[in-house]
Amino acid sequence: MATGSALISPESAKKSALMHLSLFLVLIVVTLAQLYLKSQNYEHLTNAFLQTAMALFKVFIVAFYFMHLKEEAMWLKFIAILPVFAVLYTVFVVVESIVR
C-alpha cells in the first residue's frame, strides 16, 4: 500500500457510485428535456430563456457535485458563482437592448 493513499469502505464506495449515477441520470433527463423543448414551437425568446435556465442548472449540478463545491466554504462558493451572475447580467442587458 502506498503511503498517504486513502482507503474507503465498500459502503462509502457504493454510496458514492450511486450518487454519481443519479447525477448522471439527472443530467441526461435535463438534456433530453432541452432537446424536447427545442423541437417545440415556442417563441424564440421563451425557448432561449428555458434553454439557458436548464443549461445553468446543469452547470450548477456539475460544479456543486463533481467540482466538490458543496464541501467548500461559503465565500469560495460565492467566488465560483460570481462569473455566472456576470454572464446573466450581460444576457439581460443584451436582451433588453434587443427588445427595445
Protein backbone atom coordinates (compact mmCIF):
# COMPACT_ATOMS: atom_id res chain seq x y z
CA MET A 1 0.00 0.00 0.00
CA ALA A 2 1.30 3.43 -0.96
CA THR A 3 1.95 5.98 1.74
CA GLY A 4 -0.80 8.55 2.04
CA SER A 5 -3.34 6.61 -0.02
CA ALA A 6 -6.88 6.82 1.23
CA LEU A 7 -8.99 3.73 1.56
CA ILE A 8 -12.74 3.95 1.58
CA SER A 9 -15.19 1.41 2.83
CA PRO A 10 -17.28 -0.61 0.38
CA GLU A 11 -20.42 1.07 1.72
CA SER A 12 -18.96 4.51 1.08
CA ALA A 13 -17.85 3.50 -2.41
CA LYS A 14 -21.31 2.14 -3.17
CA LYS A 15 -22.95 5.34 -1.89
CA SER A 16 -20.60 7.48 -3.98
CA ALA A 17 -21.20 5.40 -7.11
CA LEU A 18 -24.96 5.62 -6.59
CA MET A 19 -24.78 9.39 -6.18
CA HIS A 20 -22.69 9.78 -9.34
CA LEU A 21 -25.06 7.56 -11.28
CA SER A 22 -28.10 9.51 -10.10
CA LEU A 23 -26.43 12.81 -11.03
CA PHE A 24 -25.59 11.41 -14.45
CA LEU A 25 -29.23 10.40 -14.91
CA VAL A 26 -30.42 13.87 -13.86
CA LEU A 27 -28.07 15.42 -16.43
CA ILE A 28 -29.40 13.05 -19.11
CA VAL A 29 -33.03 13.90 -18.25
CA VAL A 30 -32.35 17.65 -18.38
CA THR A 31 -30.52 17.25 -21.70
CA LEU A 32 -33.43 15.28 -23.14
CA ALA A 33 -35.81 17.98 -21.87
CA GLN A 34 -33.69 20.57 -23.67
CA LEU A 35 -33.88 18.58 -26.89
CA TYR A 36 -37.64 18.20 -26.50
CA LEU A 37 -38.12 21.94 -25.90
CA LYS A 38 -36.03 22.70 -28.95
CA SER A 39 -38.43 20.65 -31.09
CA GLN A 40 -41.47 22.57 -29.77
CA ASN A 41 -42.74 25.73 -31.39
CA TYR A 42 -42.08 28.18 -28.58
CA GLU A 43 -41.33 31.82 -29.22
CA HIS A 44 -37.61 32.37 -29.76
CA LEU A 45 -37.11 34.39 -26.57
CA THR A 46 -39.04 31.87 -24.47
CA ASN A 47 -37.04 28.98 -25.90
CA ALA A 48 -33.77 30.84 -25.31
CA PHE A 49 -34.72 31.56 -21.70
CA LEU A 50 -35.73 27.95 -20.99
CA GLN A 51 -32.61 26.54 -22.66
CA THR A 52 -30.38 28.94 -20.72
CA ALA A 53 -32.09 28.12 -17.42
CA MET A 54 -31.64 24.38 -17.96
CA ALA A 55 -28.03 24.84 -19.04
CA LEU A 56 -27.34 26.85 -15.87
CA PHE A 57 -28.99 24.12 -13.80
CA LYS A 58 -26.60 21.59 -15.35
CA VAL A 59 -23.64 23.89 -14.70
CA PHE A 60 -24.61 24.17 -11.03
CA ILE A 61 -25.01 20.39 -10.72
CA VAL A 62 -21.59 19.74 -12.22
CA ALA A 63 -19.88 22.48 -10.20
CA PHE A 64 -21.58 21.59 -6.93
CA TYR A 65 -21.00 17.84 -7.01
CA PHE A 66 -18.22 16.99 -9.45
CA MET A 67 -16.06 20.02 -8.63
CA HIS A 68 -16.79 19.46 -4.91
CA LEU A 69 -18.11 22.97 -4.24
CA LYS A 70 -20.59 21.52 -1.77
CA GLU A 71 -17.65 20.84 0.56
CA GLU A 72 -16.12 24.31 0.28
CA ALA A 73 -16.56 27.37 2.44
CA MET A 74 -19.38 29.77 1.58
CA TRP A 75 -17.04 32.54 0.39
CA LEU A 76 -15.37 30.17 -2.08
CA LYS A 77 -18.78 29.12 -3.43
CA PHE A 78 -19.61 32.80 -3.90
CA ILE A 79 -16.37 33.40 -5.81
CA ALA A 80 -17.07 30.40 -8.04
CA ILE A 81 -20.66 31.54 -8.75
CA LEU A 82 -19.80 35.21 -9.35
CA PRO A 83 -18.97 34.80 -13.08
CA VAL A 84 -22.40 33.21 -13.63
CA PHE A 85 -24.07 36.33 -12.26
CA ALA A 86 -21.89 38.48 -14.52
CA VAL A 87 -22.95 36.46 -17.56
CA LEU A 88 -26.62 36.61 -16.53
CA TYR A 89 -26.40 40.38 -16.15
CA THR A 90 -24.82 40.65 -19.59
CA VAL A 91 -27.52 38.47 -21.12
CA PHE A 92 -30.28 40.55 -19.54
CA VAL A 93 -28.72 43.80 -20.79
CA VAL A 94 -28.37 42.41 -24.33
CA VAL A 95 -31.94 41.04 -24.32
CA GLU A 96 -33.25 44.38 -23.08
CA SER A 97 -31.44 46.24 -25.84
CA ILE A 98 -32.84 43.81 -28.44
CA VAL A 99 -36.40 44.12 -27.15
CA ARG A 100 -36.29 47.93 -27.13
